[in-house]
C-alpha atoms as a PDB file:
ATOM      1  CA  UNK A   1      -0.158 -37.544 -24.584  1.00  0.00           C
ATOM      2  CA  UNK A   2      -2.190 -38.352 -22.015  1.00  0.00           C
ATOM      3  CA  UNK A   3       0.770 -38.236 -19.550  1.00  0.00           C
ATOM      4  CA  UNK A   4       1.940 -34.750 -20.490  1.00  0.00           C
ATOM      5  CA  UNK A   5      -1.704 -33.676 -19.618  1.00  0.00           C
ATOM      6  CA  UNK A   6      -1.954 -35.368 -16.580  1.00  0.00           C
ATOM      7  CA  UNK A   7       1.433 -33.947 -15.357  1.00  0.00           C
ATOM      8  CA  UNK A   8       0.334 -30.610 -16.676  1.00  0.00           C
ATOM      9  CA  UNK A   9      -2.834 -30.625 -14.451  1.00  0.00           C
ATOM     10  CA  UNK A  10      -0.534 -31.778 -11.645  1.00  0.00           C
ATOM     11  CA  UNK A  11       1.575 -28.719 -12.045  1.00  0.00           C
ATOM     12  CA  UNK A  12      -1.550 -26.407 -12.181  1.00  0.00           C
ATOM     13  CA  UNK A  13      -2.848 -28.010  -8.848  1.00  0.00           C
ATOM     14  CA  UNK A  14       0.536 -27.748  -7.281  1.00  0.00           C
ATOM     15  CA  UNK A  15       0.787 -23.934  -8.143  1.00  0.00           C
ATOM     16  CA  UNK A  16      -2.848 -23.437  -7.326  1.00  0.00           C
ATOM     17  CA  UNK A  17      -2.133 -24.574  -3.612  1.00  0.00           C
ATOM     18  CA  UNK A  18       1.153 -22.449  -3.637  1.00  0.00           C
ATOM     19  CA  UNK A  19      -0.942 -19.720  -4.352  1.00  0.00           C
ATOM     20  CA  UNK A  20      -1.807 -18.481  -0.905  1.00  0.00           C
ATOM     21  CA  UNK A  21      -2.674 -15.183  -1.507  1.00  0.00           C
ATOM     22  CA  UNK A  22      -2.484 -12.750   1.416  1.00  0.00           C
ATOM     23  CA  UNK A  23      -4.400  -9.626   2.097  1.00  0.00           C
ATOM     24  CA  UNK A  24      -2.854  -6.382   0.734  1.00  0.00           C
ATOM     25  CA  UNK A  25      -0.552  -4.711   3.297  1.00  0.00           C
ATOM     26  CA  UNK A  26      -2.279  -1.193   3.056  1.00  0.00           C
ATOM     27  CA  UNK A  27      -5.590  -2.936   3.595  1.00  0.00           C
ATOM     28  CA  UNK A  28      -4.910  -5.601   6.126  1.00  0.00           C
ATOM     29  CA  UNK A  29      -5.443  -3.430   9.148  1.00  0.00           C
ATOM     30  CA  UNK A  30      -6.538  -0.294  10.703  1.00  0.00           C
ATOM     31  CA  UNK A  31      -3.590  -0.263  13.087  1.00  0.00           C
ATOM     32  CA  UNK A  32      -0.261   0.829  12.260  1.00  0.00           C
ATOM     33  CA  UNK A  33       2.436   0.032  14.786  1.00  0.00           C
ATOM     34  CA  UNK A  34       2.302  -0.393  18.709  1.00  0.00           C
ATOM     35  CA  UNK A  35       2.969   2.548  21.086  1.00  0.00           C
ATOM     36  CA  UNK A  36       5.361   2.225  23.319  1.00  0.00           C
ATOM     37  CA  UNK A  37       3.056   1.870  26.300  1.00  0.00           C
ATOM     38  CA  UNK A  38       1.490  -1.193  24.546  1.00  0.00           C
ATOM     39  CA  UNK A  39      -1.442   0.167  23.120  1.00  0.00           C
ATOM     40  CA  UNK A  40      -2.240   0.135  19.455  1.00  0.00           C
ATOM     41  CA  UNK A  41      -2.015   3.440  17.657  1.00  0.00           C
ATOM     42  CA  UNK A  42      -4.536   4.454  14.820  1.00  0.00           C
ATOM     43  CA  UNK A  43      -3.576   4.281  11.315  1.00  0.00           C
ATOM     44  CA  UNK A  44      -1.823   7.347   9.984  1.00  0.00           C
ATOM     45  CA  UNK A  45      -3.605   9.560   8.218  1.00  0.00           C
ATOM     46  CA  UNK A  46      -2.935  11.387   4.898  1.00  0.00           C
ATOM     47  CA  UNK A  47      -1.478  14.712   5.653  1.00  0.00           C
ATOM     48  CA  UNK A  48      -0.235  15.850   2.446  1.00  0.00           C
ATOM     49  CA  UNK A  49       0.439  15.497  -1.371  1.00  0.00           C
ATOM     50  CA  UNK A  50       3.462  16.067  -3.478  1.00  0.00           C
ATOM     51  CA  UNK A  51       4.940  15.317  -6.547  1.00  0.00           C
ATOM     52  CA  UNK A  52       8.080  13.099  -7.566  1.00  0.00           C
ATOM     53  CA  UNK A  53      10.569  13.847 -10.329  1.00  0.00           C
ATOM     54  CA  UNK A  54       8.380  12.107 -12.519  1.00  0.00           C
ATOM     55  CA  UNK A  55       5.285  13.986 -11.908  1.00  0.00           C
ATOM     56  CA  UNK A  56       3.591  11.140 -10.010  1.00  0.00           C
ATOM     57  CA  UNK A  57       1.375  12.043  -6.871  1.00  0.00           C
ATOM     58  CA  UNK A  58       3.328  10.952  -3.415  1.00  0.00           C
ATOM     59  CA  UNK A  59       1.241  10.833  -0.170  1.00  0.00           C
ATOM     60  CA  UNK A  60       2.652  12.121   2.733  1.00  0.00           C
ATOM     61  CA  UNK A  61       1.249   9.896   5.885  1.00  0.00           C
ATOM     62  CA  UNK A  62       1.329  11.199   9.439  1.00  0.00           C
ATOM     63  CA  UNK A  63       3.383   8.387  10.454  1.00  0.00           C
ATOM     64  CA  UNK A  64       6.355   9.874   8.310  1.00  0.00           C
ATOM     65  CA  UNK A  65       6.128   7.262   5.576  1.00  0.00           C
ATOM     66  CA  UNK A  66       5.344   8.030   2.025  1.00  0.00           C
ATOM     67  CA  UNK A  67       3.362   6.025  -0.869  1.00  0.00           C
ATOM     68  CA  UNK A  68       3.137   6.855  -4.568  1.00  0.00           C
ATOM     69  CA  UNK A  69      -0.584   7.128  -5.431  1.00  0.00           C
ATOM     70  CA  UNK A  70      -0.626   6.303  -9.352  1.00  0.00           C
ATOM     71  CA  UNK A  71      -3.704   5.917 -11.393  1.00  0.00           C
ATOM     72  CA  UNK A  72      -2.653   3.396 -13.772  1.00  0.00           C
ATOM     73  CA  UNK A  73      -5.961   1.310 -14.893  1.00  0.00           C
ATOM     74  CA  UNK A  74      -6.734  -1.585 -14.896  1.00  0.00           C
ATOM     75  CA  UNK A  75      -3.650  -2.114 -12.070  1.00  0.00           C
ATOM     76  CA  UNK A  76      -4.387   0.772 -10.056  1.00  0.00           C
ATOM     77  CA  UNK A  77      -7.462   2.765 -10.080  1.00  0.00           C
ATOM     78  CA  UNK A  78      -7.212   6.247  -8.192  1.00  0.00           C
ATOM     79  CA  UNK A  79      -8.936   8.792 -10.185  1.00  0.00           C
ATOM     80  CA  UNK A  80      -9.092  11.067  -7.364  1.00  0.00           C
ATOM     81  CA  UNK A  81      -5.143  11.882  -8.087  1.00  0.00           C
ATOM     82  CA  UNK A  82      -5.817  13.533 -11.173  1.00  0.00           C
ATOM     83  CA  UNK A  83      -8.256  16.098  -9.803  1.00  0.00           C
ATOM     84  CA  UNK A  84      -6.782  19.054  -7.654  1.00  0.00           C
ATOM     85  CA  UNK A  85     -10.108  19.248  -5.688  1.00  0.00           C
ATOM     86  CA  UNK A  86     -10.699  15.450  -4.970  1.00  0.00           C
ATOM     87  CA  UNK A  87      -6.895  15.412  -3.764  1.00  0.00           C
ATOM     88  CA  UNK A  88      -7.467  17.925  -1.413  1.00  0.00           C
ATOM     89  CA  UNK A  89     -10.668  16.224  -0.094  1.00  0.00           C
ATOM     90  CA  UNK A  90      -8.715  13.139   0.752  1.00  0.00           C
ATOM     91  CA  UNK A  91      -6.340  15.145   3.014  1.00  0.00           C
ATOM     92  CA  UNK A  92      -6.816  14.080   6.893  1.00  0.00           C
ATOM     93  CA  UNK A  93      -8.478  10.468   5.982  1.00  0.00           C
ATOM     94  CA  UNK A  94      -7.187   7.371   7.440  1.00  0.00           C
ATOM     95  CA  UNK A  95      -4.672   5.954   5.303  1.00  0.00           C
ATOM     96  CA  UNK A  96      -3.351   2.375   6.632  1.00  0.00           C
ATOM     97  CA  UNK A  97       0.436   2.345   5.807  1.00  0.00           C
ATOM     98  CA  UNK A  98       1.757  -0.742   4.511  1.00  0.00           C
ATOM     99  CA  UNK A  99       5.215   0.281   5.618  1.00  0.00           C
ATOM    100  CA  UNK A 100       4.343   0.259   9.167  1.00  0.00           C
ATOM    101  CA  UNK A 101       2.512  -2.993   8.922  1.00  0.00           C
ATOM    102  CA  UNK A 102       5.743  -4.502   8.029  1.00  0.00           C
ATOM    103  CA  UNK A 103       7.455  -2.831  10.989  1.00  0.00           C
ATOM    104  CA  UNK A 104       9.687  -0.711   8.604  1.00  0.00           C
ATOM    105  CA  UNK A 105      10.528   2.618  10.449  1.00  0.00           C
ATOM    106  CA  UNK A 106      10.593   5.734   8.463  1.00  0.00           C
ATOM    107  CA  UNK A 107      13.656   7.359   6.880  1.00  0.00           C
ATOM    108  CA  UNK A 108      14.895  10.504   8.641  1.00  0.00           C
ATOM    109  CA  UNK A 109      14.155  13.711   7.017  1.00  0.00           C
ATOM    110  CA  UNK A 110      17.134  15.190   5.142  1.00  0.00           C
ATOM    111  CA  UNK A 111      18.198  18.427   6.708  1.00  0.00           C
ATOM    112  CA  UNK A 112      19.284  20.935   3.538  1.00  0.00           C
END
């Protein structure tokens, strides 16, 4: 019994060492991606909001990326997406982009 307990403690200790938490991609930096002349571009801004086919709100960013803005407590608390006035008040604010932080280019817009 003591051996099993020691093994469990050792396993938990190993898991804790592996759990090297990193900052959220969207909260990591106020910078997006470097510009062609080597300067760092400012974080993109929230330029629009739309709803997807399931009725979830999607942020449209100035960098060309989009991001879902779900209010699903306790995992995601974004009460402002539920209120039209509060959504409107968020337009124009800095919105660090996790896609840009990963170096992922936005998909080209579909013409149609």
